[in-house]
């Protein structure tokens, strides 16, 4: 029997702050020590490494939501400074160290290994078809150390959901930059203020907004129309539905145990992030 989508969505909320420690200071410094020029070099080296030496065009397609040309500023340049294999190892070490620092005593608690084991069971059980980044991560060895294993499982679950989210966006005709606009609007922000959009040329962003208005998804003030709000909700619901098979391997009690075990860990990681 499928798990309720509310619990699948709750897993997304709990996995996100654990997986995204990989974008924090300690992993970033480790990549800078390899010769990366900036944060984004390390971001692309670490996140794209499971795809091997894929060209920028492939990484752009898999990541889905970067503006044209952004990936090519880093891929393949980073592979002149490191290899995918080294980037994977550096990312894992830095992320595990960052997570351990963020969660403090929870890292050595008796329950963390159990949480990591449940999360890993889910993370390695999901279907790979149509999910290129998740499939690349699935090909990697699962770390033995519990904190590293928990981060790895969270990353697998995050990217499995992310690949499904891209499919949901594609099915609704929403491009990568448009997806950022819809997220910004759903957060009550003007698109021009959103972190992943404000750097875009004014004319480029204006064209994206005009396109969304022309489809009836935004009004003249850049807010959701009813159709836009409904489209965003359908995408989020479909994303949860596509993420759900990862948890089929767990019983209802095991999923509840996993959620309960992740809550203090995610709270600790979020508190540091805030």
C-alpha atoms as a PDB file:
ATOM      1  CA  UNK A   1       0.000   0.000   0.000  1.00  0.00           C
ATOM      2  CA  UNK A   2       1.504   3.368  -0.984  1.00  0.00           C
ATOM      3  CA  UNK A   3       2.519   5.754   1.779  1.00  0.00           C
ATOM      4  CA  UNK A   4       0.472   8.970   2.174  1.00  0.00           C
ATOM      5  CA  UNK A   5       1.870  11.797   0.052  1.00  0.00           C
ATOM      6  CA  UNK A   6       1.972  14.031   3.143  1.00  0.00           C
ATOM      7  CA  UNK A   7       4.645  11.736   4.599  1.00  0.00           C
ATOM      8  CA  UNK A   8       6.525  11.647   1.299  1.00  0.00           C
ATOM      9  CA  UNK A   9       6.543  15.451   1.307  1.00  0.00           C
ATOM     10  CA  UNK A  10       7.635  15.492   4.938  1.00  0.00           C
ATOM     11  CA  UNK A  11      10.613  13.357   3.961  1.00  0.00           C
ATOM     12  CA  UNK A  12      11.535  16.002   1.375  1.00  0.00           C
ATOM     13  CA  UNK A  13      11.456  18.681   4.096  1.00  0.00           C
ATOM     14  CA  UNK A  14      13.703  16.589   6.352  1.00  0.00           C
ATOM     15  CA  UNK A  15      16.137  15.328   3.720  1.00  0.00           C
ATOM     16  CA  UNK A  16      16.781  18.744   2.157  1.00  0.00           C
ATOM     17  CA  UNK A  17      18.764  20.398   5.011  1.00  0.00           C
ATOM     18  CA  UNK A  18      20.812  17.217   5.505  1.00  0.00           C
ATOM     19  CA  UNK A  19      21.709  16.768   1.846  1.00  0.00           C
ATOM     20  CA  UNK A  20      22.444  20.452   1.237  1.00  0.00           C
ATOM     21  CA  UNK A  21      25.204  20.643   3.838  1.00  0.00           C
ATOM     22  CA  UNK A  22      27.253  19.761   0.755  1.00  0.00           C
ATOM     23  CA  UNK A  23      26.842  23.384  -0.366  1.00  0.00           C
ATOM     24  CA  UNK A  24      28.200  24.813   2.898  1.00  0.00           C
ATOM     25  CA  UNK A  25      31.565  26.245   3.897  1.00  0.00           C
ATOM     26  CA  UNK A  26      33.577  23.118   4.729  1.00  0.00           C
ATOM     27  CA  UNK A  27      33.011  21.333   1.392  1.00  0.00           C
ATOM     28  CA  UNK A  28      33.475  24.621  -0.460  1.00  0.00           C
ATOM     29  CA  UNK A  29      36.858  25.167   1.203  1.00  0.00           C
ATOM     30  CA  UNK A  30      37.895  21.620   0.322  1.00  0.00           C
ATOM     31  CA  UNK A  31      37.147  22.291  -3.349  1.00  0.00           C
ATOM     32  CA  UNK A  32      38.949  25.636  -3.271  1.00  0.00           C
ATOM     33  CA  UNK A  33      41.986  23.765  -1.941  1.00  0.00           C
ATOM     34  CA  UNK A  34      41.926  21.664  -5.131  1.00  0.00           C
ATOM     35  CA  UNK A  35      42.265  24.810  -7.225  1.00  0.00           C
ATOM     36  CA  UNK A  36      38.634  25.738  -7.833  1.00  0.00           C
ATOM     37  CA  UNK A  37      38.223  29.437  -8.565  1.00  0.00           C
ATOM     38  CA  UNK A  38      34.983  29.985  -6.680  1.00  0.00           C
ATOM     39  CA  UNK A  39      31.988  28.337  -5.031  1.00  0.00           C
ATOM     40  CA  UNK A  40      30.302  27.440  -8.323  1.00  0.00           C
ATOM     41  CA  UNK A  41      33.337  25.540  -9.600  1.00  0.00           C
ATOM     42  CA  UNK A  42      33.099  23.321  -6.521  1.00  0.00           C
ATOM     43  CA  UNK A  43      29.324  23.054  -6.845  1.00  0.00           C
ATOM     44  CA  UNK A  44      29.490  21.758 -10.394  1.00  0.00           C
ATOM     45  CA  UNK A  45      32.511  19.524  -9.792  1.00  0.00           C
ATOM     46  CA  UNK A  46      30.878  17.853  -6.793  1.00  0.00           C
ATOM     47  CA  UNK A  47      27.315  17.590  -8.021  1.00  0.00           C
ATOM     48  CA  UNK A  48      28.143  16.602 -11.611  1.00  0.00           C
ATOM     49  CA  UNK A  49      30.895  14.131 -10.690  1.00  0.00           C
ATOM     50  CA  UNK A  50      28.556  11.080 -10.643  1.00  0.00           C
ATOM     51  CA  UNK A  51      27.899  11.789 -14.344  1.00  0.00           C
ATOM     52  CA  UNK A  52      31.595  11.327 -15.128  1.00  0.00           C
ATOM     53  CA  UNK A  53      33.198  13.517 -17.782  1.00  0.00           C
ATOM     54  CA  UNK A  54      29.852  14.481 -19.296  1.00  0.00           C
ATOM     55  CA  UNK A  55      30.026  17.627 -21.449  1.00  0.00           C
ATOM     56  CA  UNK A  56      28.420  20.869 -20.298  1.00  0.00           C
ATOM     57  CA  UNK A  57      25.419  20.276 -22.558  1.00  0.00           C
ATOM     58  CA  UNK A  58      24.597  17.018 -20.760  1.00  0.00           C
ATOM     59  CA  UNK A  59      25.086  18.488 -17.272  1.00  0.00           C
ATOM     60  CA  UNK A  60      22.890  21.434 -18.279  1.00  0.00           C
ATOM     61  CA  UNK A  61      20.160  19.043 -19.432  1.00  0.00           C
ATOM     62  CA  UNK A  62      20.309  16.887 -16.295  1.00  0.00           C
ATOM     63  CA  UNK A  63      20.436  19.809 -13.828  1.00  0.00           C
ATOM     64  CA  UNK A  64      17.599  21.426 -15.820  1.00  0.00           C
ATOM     65  CA  UNK A  65      17.262  24.777 -14.054  1.00  0.00           C
ATOM     66  CA  UNK A  66      20.412  26.730 -14.911  1.00  0.00           C
ATOM     67  CA  UNK A  67      20.280  29.498 -17.475  1.00  0.00           C
ATOM     68  CA  UNK A  68      21.956  28.891 -20.837  1.00  0.00           C
ATOM     69  CA  UNK A  69      25.734  29.139 -20.599  1.00  0.00           C
ATOM     70  CA  UNK A  70      25.998  28.924 -16.802  1.00  0.00           C
ATOM     71  CA  UNK A  71      27.167  25.309 -16.702  1.00  0.00           C
ATOM     72  CA  UNK A  72      29.690  25.871 -19.485  1.00  0.00           C
ATOM     73  CA  UNK A  73      31.539  28.425 -17.348  1.00  0.00           C
ATOM     74  CA  UNK A  74      32.582  25.560 -15.074  1.00  0.00           C
ATOM     75  CA  UNK A  75      32.307  22.295 -17.035  1.00  0.00           C
ATOM     76  CA  UNK A  76      34.726  21.025 -18.357  1.00  0.00           C
ATOM     77  CA  UNK A  77      37.166  23.563 -16.804  1.00  0.00           C
ATOM     78  CA  UNK A  78      36.955  21.922 -13.380  1.00  0.00           C
ATOM     79  CA  UNK A  79      38.151  18.598 -14.793  1.00  0.00           C
ATOM     80  CA  UNK A  80      41.507  20.217 -15.457  1.00  0.00           C
ATOM     81  CA  UNK A  81      41.903  20.629 -11.690  1.00  0.00           C
ATOM     82  CA  UNK A  82      40.383  17.391 -10.382  1.00  0.00           C
ATOM     83  CA  UNK A  83      38.789  14.159 -11.559  1.00  0.00           C
ATOM     84  CA  UNK A  84      35.202  13.036 -11.006  1.00  0.00           C
ATOM     85  CA  UNK A  85      36.478  10.305  -8.683  1.00  0.00           C
ATOM     86  CA  UNK A  86      38.438  12.777  -6.545  1.00  0.00           C
ATOM     87  CA  UNK A  87      35.533  15.247  -6.549  1.00  0.00           C
ATOM     88  CA  UNK A  88      33.184  12.535  -5.268  1.00  0.00           C
ATOM     89  CA  UNK A  89      35.576  11.702  -2.417  1.00  0.00           C
ATOM     90  CA  UNK A  90      36.198  15.358  -1.507  1.00  0.00           C
ATOM     91  CA  UNK A  91      32.484  16.086  -1.536  1.00  0.00           C
ATOM     92  CA  UNK A  92      31.683  13.129   0.712  1.00  0.00           C
ATOM     93  CA  UNK A  93      34.421  13.930   3.234  1.00  0.00           C
ATOM     94  CA  UNK A  94      33.569  17.627   3.372  1.00  0.00           C
ATOM     95  CA  UNK A  95      29.835  17.022   3.604  1.00  0.00           C
ATOM     96  CA  UNK A  96      30.147  14.426   6.369  1.00  0.00           C
ATOM     97  CA  UNK A  97      32.431  16.768   8.325  1.00  0.00           C
ATOM     98  CA  UNK A  98      29.993  19.640   7.879  1.00  0.00           C
ATOM     99  CA  UNK A  99      27.008  17.542   8.950  1.00  0.00           C
ATOM    100  CA  UNK A 100      28.844  16.213  11.999  1.00  0.00           C
ATOM    101  CA  UNK A 101      29.718  19.759  13.057  1.00  0.00           C
ATOM    102  CA  UNK A 102      26.154  20.993  12.529  1.00  0.00           C
ATOM    103  CA  UNK A 103      24.384  18.265  14.486  1.00  0.00           C
ATOM    104  CA  UNK A 104      26.857  18.057  17.375  1.00  0.00           C
ATOM    105  CA  UNK A 105      26.131  15.306  19.894  1.00  0.00           C
ATOM    106  CA  UNK A 106      23.474  13.780  17.642  1.00  0.00           C
ATOM    107  CA  UNK A 107      26.324  12.536  15.433  1.00  0.00           C
ATOM    108  CA  UNK A 108      27.372  10.074  18.138  1.00  0.00           C
ATOM    109  CA  UNK A 109      23.904   9.138  19.376  1.00  0.00           C
ATOM    110  CA  UNK A 110      22.890   5.500  19.329  1.00  0.00           C
ATOM    111  CA  UNK A 111      19.932   6.164  17.083  1.00  0.00           C
ATOM    112  CA  UNK A 112      21.809   7.828  14.230  1.00  0.00           C
ATOM    113  CA  UNK A 113      23.080   4.575  12.731  1.00  0.00           C
ATOM    114  CA  UNK A 114      19.511   3.209  12.699  1.00  0.00           C
ATOM    115  CA  UNK A 115      18.244   6.373  10.991  1.00  0.00           C
ATOM    116  CA  UNK A 116      21.076   6.162   8.454  1.00  0.00           C
ATOM    117  CA  UNK A 117      20.247   2.505   7.774  1.00  0.00           C
ATOM    118  CA  UNK A 118      16.527   3.190   7.209  1.00  0.00           C
ATOM    119  CA  UNK A 119      17.289   6.163   4.989  1.00  0.00           C
ATOM    120  CA  UNK A 120      19.794   4.113   2.996  1.00  0.00           C
ATOM    121  CA  UNK A 121      17.331   1.270   2.483  1.00  0.00           C
ATOM    122  CA  UNK A 122      14.921   3.742   0.921  1.00  0.00           C
ATOM    123  CA  UNK A 123      17.618   5.605  -0.976  1.00  0.00           C
ATOM    124  CA  UNK A 124      18.982   2.558  -2.805  1.00  0.00           C
ATOM    125  CA  UNK A 125      15.599   1.013  -3.576  1.00  0.00           C
ATOM    126  CA  UNK A 126      14.011   3.596  -5.879  1.00  0.00           C
ATOM    127  CA  UNK A 127      13.662   3.097  -9.649  1.00  0.00           C
ATOM    128  CA  UNK A 128      16.449   4.626 -11.734  1.00  0.00           C
ATOM    129  CA  UNK A 129      14.665   4.768 -15.095  1.00  0.00           C
ATOM    130  CA  UNK A 130      14.622   8.309 -16.464  1.00  0.00           C
ATOM    131  CA  UNK A 131      16.623   9.617 -13.503  1.00  0.00           C
ATOM    132  CA  UNK A 132      20.149  10.209 -14.722  1.00  0.00           C
ATOM    133  CA  UNK A 133      21.637  12.014 -11.725  1.00  0.00           C
ATOM    134  CA  UNK A 134      20.093   9.596  -9.227  1.00  0.00           C
ATOM    135  CA  UNK A 135      21.351   6.653 -11.283  1.00  0.00           C
ATOM    136  CA  UNK A 136      24.868   8.103 -11.237  1.00  0.00           C
ATOM    137  CA  UNK A 137      24.741   8.425  -7.462  1.00  0.00           C
ATOM    138  CA  UNK A 138      23.371   4.900  -7.103  1.00  0.00           C
ATOM    139  CA  UNK A 139      26.502   3.602  -8.843  1.00  0.00           C
ATOM    140  CA  UNK A 140      28.675   4.942  -5.992  1.00  0.00           C
ATOM    141  CA  UNK A 141      29.676   2.941  -2.939  1.00  0.00           C
ATOM    142  CA  UNK A 142      27.587   3.595   0.165  1.00  0.00           C
ATOM    143  CA  UNK A 143      29.816   5.010   2.954  1.00  0.00           C
ATOM    144  CA  UNK A 144      30.270   2.833   6.027  1.00  0.00           C
ATOM    145  CA  UNK A 145      30.532   5.623   8.618  1.00  0.00           C
ATOM    146  CA  UNK A 146      26.991   6.458   9.848  1.00  0.00           C
ATOM    147  CA  UNK A 147      27.112  10.264   9.465  1.00  0.00           C
ATOM    148  CA  UNK A 148      28.555   9.971   5.956  1.00  0.00           C
ATOM    149  CA  UNK A 149      26.020   7.243   5.166  1.00  0.00           C
ATOM    150  CA  UNK A 150      23.146   9.463   6.300  1.00  0.00           C
ATOM    151  CA  UNK A 151      24.376  12.351   4.145  1.00  0.00           C
ATOM    152  CA  UNK A 152      24.782  10.018   1.173  1.00  0.00           C
ATOM    153  CA  UNK A 153      21.270   8.595   1.616  1.00  0.00           C
ATOM    154  CA  UNK A 154      19.805  12.088   1.935  1.00  0.00           C
ATOM    155  CA  UNK A 155      21.598  13.115  -1.256  1.00  0.00           C
ATOM    156  CA  UNK A 156      20.269  10.084  -3.125  1.00  0.00           C
ATOM    157  CA  UNK A 157      16.717  10.797  -1.966  1.00  0.00           C
ATOM    158  CA  UNK A 158      17.074  14.495  -2.821  1.00  0.00           C
ATOM    159  CA  UNK A 159      18.343  13.863  -6.334  1.00  0.00           C
ATOM    160  CA  UNK A 160      15.794  11.087  -6.944  1.00  0.00           C
ATOM    161  CA  UNK A 161      13.081  13.577  -6.085  1.00  0.00           C
ATOM    162  CA  UNK A 162      14.848  16.265  -8.127  1.00  0.00           C
ATOM    163  CA  UNK A 163      14.950  14.122 -11.244  1.00  0.00           C
ATOM    164  CA  UNK A 164      11.221  13.487 -10.780  1.00  0.00           C
ATOM    165  CA  UNK A 165      10.576  17.198 -10.245  1.00  0.00           C
ATOM    166  CA  UNK A 166      12.289  17.958 -13.544  1.00  0.00           C
ATOM    167  CA  UNK A 167      10.024  15.427 -15.239  1.00  0.00           C
ATOM    168  CA  UNK A 168       6.983  17.086 -13.643  1.00  0.00           C
ATOM    169  CA  UNK A 169       8.140  20.505 -14.852  1.00  0.00           C
ATOM    170  CA  UNK A 170       8.744  19.131 -18.327  1.00  0.00           C
ATOM    171  CA  UNK A 171       5.295  17.532 -18.399  1.00  0.00           C
ATOM    172  CA  UNK A 172       3.742  20.925 -17.618  1.00  0.00           C
ATOM    173  CA  UNK A 173       5.867  22.816 -20.144  1.00  0.00           C
ATOM    174  CA  UNK A 174       7.809  24.728 -17.483  1.00  0.00           C
ATOM    175  CA  UNK A 175      11.456  25.412 -18.313  1.00  0.00           C
ATOM    176  CA  UNK A 176      14.251  25.720 -15.816  1.00  0.00           C
ATOM    177  CA  UNK A 177      14.295  29.510 -15.505  1.00  0.00           C
ATOM    178  CA  UNK A 178      10.486  29.544 -15.464  1.00  0.00           C
ATOM    179  CA  UNK A 179      10.585  27.086 -12.559  1.00  0.00           C
ATOM    180  CA  UNK A 180      12.644  29.576 -10.537  1.00  0.00           C
ATOM    181  CA  UNK A 181      10.104  32.302 -11.308  1.00  0.00           C
ATOM    182  CA  UNK A 182       7.227  30.111 -10.100  1.00  0.00           C
ATOM    183  CA  UNK A 183       9.147  29.267  -6.915  1.00  0.00           C
ATOM    184  CA  UNK A 184       9.908  32.933  -6.262  1.00  0.00           C
ATOM    185  CA  UNK A 185       6.262  33.908  -6.757  1.00  0.00           C
ATOM    186  CA  UNK A 186       5.095  31.066  -4.478  1.00  0.00           C
ATOM    187  CA  UNK A 187       7.401  32.487  -1.771  1.00  0.00           C
ATOM    188  CA  UNK A 188       5.877  35.940  -2.185  1.00  0.00           C
ATOM    189  CA  UNK A 189       8.974  37.366  -3.869  1.00  0.00           C
ATOM    190  CA  UNK A 190       9.404  39.355  -7.044  1.00  0.00           C
ATOM    191  CA  UNK A 191      11.306  37.281  -9.577  1.00  0.00           C
ATOM    192  CA  UNK A 192      13.962  39.997  -9.840  1.00  0.00           C
ATOM    193  CA  UNK A 193      14.783  39.522  -6.133  1.00  0.00           C
ATOM    194  CA  UNK A 194      15.212  35.749  -6.248  1.00  0.00           C
ATOM    195  CA  UNK A 195      18.750  34.478  -5.778  1.00  0.00           C
ATOM    196  CA  UNK A 196      18.882  32.306  -8.876  1.00  0.00           C
ATOM    197  CA  UNK A 197      17.327  34.976 -11.113  1.00  0.00           C
ATOM    198  CA  UNK A 198      18.556  38.410 -10.070  1.00  0.00           C
ATOM    199  CA  UNK A 199      21.835  38.028 -11.962  1.00  0.00           C
ATOM    200  CA  UNK A 200      20.130  37.387 -15.308  1.00  0.00           C
ATOM    201  CA  UNK A 201      20.107  40.153 -17.911  1.00  0.00           C
ATOM    202  CA  UNK A 202      16.996  42.302 -17.481  1.00  0.00           C
ATOM    203  CA  UNK A 203      15.749  41.639 -20.996  1.00  0.00           C
ATOM    204  CA  UNK A 204      16.169  37.866 -20.588  1.00  0.00           C
ATOM    205  CA  UNK A 205      14.197  37.743 -17.341  1.00  0.00           C
ATOM    206  CA  UNK A 206      11.552  40.070 -18.777  1.00  0.00           C
ATOM    207  CA  UNK A 207      11.067  37.684 -21.694  1.00  0.00           C
ATOM    208  CA  UNK A 208      10.554  34.771 -19.307  1.00  0.00           C
ATOM    209  CA  UNK A 209       7.980  36.742 -17.304  1.00  0.00           C
ATOM    210  CA  UNK A 210       6.210  37.822 -20.502  1.00  0.00           C
ATOM    211  CA  UNK A 211       6.039  34.197 -21.599  1.00  0.00           C
ATOM    212  CA  UNK A 212       4.421  33.139 -18.323  1.00  0.00           C
ATOM    213  CA  UNK A 213       1.937  36.020 -18.588  1.00  0.00           C
ATOM    214  CA  UNK A 214       1.153  35.041 -22.148  1.00  0.00           C
ATOM    215  CA  UNK A 215       0.283  31.537 -20.962  1.00  0.00           C
ATOM    216  CA  UNK A 216      -1.996  32.949 -18.290  1.00  0.00           C
ATOM    217  CA  UNK A 217       0.125  31.781 -15.355  1.00  0.00           C
ATOM    218  CA  UNK A 218       1.079  35.242 -14.040  1.00  0.00           C
ATOM    219  CA  UNK A 219      -0.867  38.505 -13.955  1.00  0.00           C
ATOM    220  CA  UNK A 220       0.445  41.911 -15.001  1.00  0.00           C
ATOM    221  CA  UNK A 221       1.924  42.472 -11.517  1.00  0.00           C
ATOM    222  CA  UNK A 222       3.894  39.223 -11.704  1.00  0.00           C
ATOM    223  CA  UNK A 223       1.681  37.340  -9.256  1.00  0.00           C
ATOM    224  CA  UNK A 224      -0.009  33.981  -9.750  1.00  0.00           C
ATOM    225  CA  UNK A 225      -3.272  33.795 -11.612  1.00  0.00           C
ATOM    226  CA  UNK A 226      -5.605  30.996 -10.520  1.00  0.00           C
ATOM    227  CA  UNK A 227      -4.268  28.925 -13.420  1.00  0.00           C
ATOM    228  CA  UNK A 228      -0.693  29.616 -12.350  1.00  0.00           C
ATOM    229  CA  UNK A 229      -1.377  28.627  -8.755  1.00  0.00           C
ATOM    230  CA  UNK A 230      -3.085  25.436  -9.887  1.00  0.00           C
ATOM    231  CA  UNK A 231      -0.220  24.581 -12.242  1.00  0.00           C
ATOM    232  CA  UNK A 232       2.333  25.040  -9.449  1.00  0.00           C
ATOM    233  CA  UNK A 233       0.273  22.814  -7.145  1.00  0.00           C
ATOM    234  CA  UNK A 234      -0.098  20.096  -9.791  1.00  0.00           C
ATOM    235  CA  UNK A 235       3.682  20.101 -10.315  1.00  0.00           C
ATOM    236  CA  UNK A 236       4.328  19.765  -6.576  1.00  0.00           C
ATOM    237  CA  UNK A 237       1.781  16.964  -6.203  1.00  0.00           C
ATOM    238  CA  UNK A 238       3.208  15.074  -9.171  1.00  0.00           C
ATOM    239  CA  UNK A 239       6.703  15.545  -7.742  1.00  0.00           C
ATOM    240  CA  UNK A 240       5.592  13.917  -4.490  1.00  0.00           C
ATOM    241  CA  UNK A 241       3.926  11.081  -6.414  1.00  0.00           C
ATOM    242  CA  UNK A 242       7.102  10.445  -8.392  1.00  0.00           C
ATOM    243  CA  UNK A 243       9.211  10.530  -5.203  1.00  0.00           C
ATOM    244  CA  UNK A 244       6.970   8.062  -3.365  1.00  0.00           C
ATOM    245  CA  UNK A 245       8.390   4.758  -4.756  1.00  0.00           C
ATOM    246  CA  UNK A 246      11.617   5.336  -2.824  1.00  0.00           C
ATOM    247  CA  UNK A 247       9.707   4.615   0.377  1.00  0.00           C
ATOM    248  CA  UNK A 248       7.810   1.527  -0.772  1.00  0.00           C
ATOM    249  CA  UNK A 249      10.542  -0.681   0.724  1.00  0.00           C
ATOM    250  CA  UNK A 250       9.751   0.645   4.222  1.00  0.00           C
ATOM    251  CA  UNK A 251       6.738  -0.390   6.272  1.00  0.00           C
ATOM    252  CA  UNK A 252       4.450   2.344   7.600  1.00  0.00           C
ATOM    253  CA  UNK A 253       6.033   1.960  11.037  1.00  0.00           C
ATOM    254  CA  UNK A 254       9.552   2.145   9.605  1.00  0.00           C
ATOM    255  CA  UNK A 255       8.725   5.324   7.672  1.00  0.00           C
ATOM    256  CA  UNK A 256       7.288   6.880  10.826  1.00  0.00           C
ATOM    257  CA  UNK A 257      10.441   5.832  12.698  1.00  0.00           C
ATOM    258  CA  UNK A 258      12.620   7.372   9.974  1.00  0.00           C
ATOM    259  CA  UNK A 259      10.681  10.649  10.028  1.00  0.00           C
ATOM    260  CA  UNK A 260      10.893  10.839  13.825  1.00  0.00           C
ATOM    261  CA  UNK A 261      14.615  10.078  13.742  1.00  0.00           C
ATOM    262  CA  UNK A 262      15.358  12.644  11.058  1.00  0.00           C
ATOM    263  CA  UNK A 263      13.447  15.492  12.692  1.00  0.00           C
ATOM    264  CA  UNK A 264      16.038  16.488  15.338  1.00  0.00           C
ATOM    265  CA  UNK A 265      18.889  16.021  12.853  1.00  0.00           C
ATOM    266  CA  UNK A 266      17.233  18.198  10.208  1.00  0.00           C
ATOM    267  CA  UNK A 267      16.315  20.784  12.875  1.00  0.00           C
ATOM    268  CA  UNK A 268      19.928  20.978  14.014  1.00  0.00           C
ATOM    269  CA  UNK A 269      21.190  21.366  10.447  1.00  0.00           C
ATOM    270  CA  UNK A 270      18.562  24.022   9.720  1.00  0.00           C
ATOM    271  CA  UNK A 271      19.343  25.942  12.907  1.00  0.00           C
ATOM    272  CA  UNK A 272      22.987  26.260  11.874  1.00  0.00           C
ATOM    273  CA  UNK A 273      21.924  27.261   8.381  1.00  0.00           C
ATOM    274  CA  UNK A 274      19.656  29.995   9.753  1.00  0.00           C
END
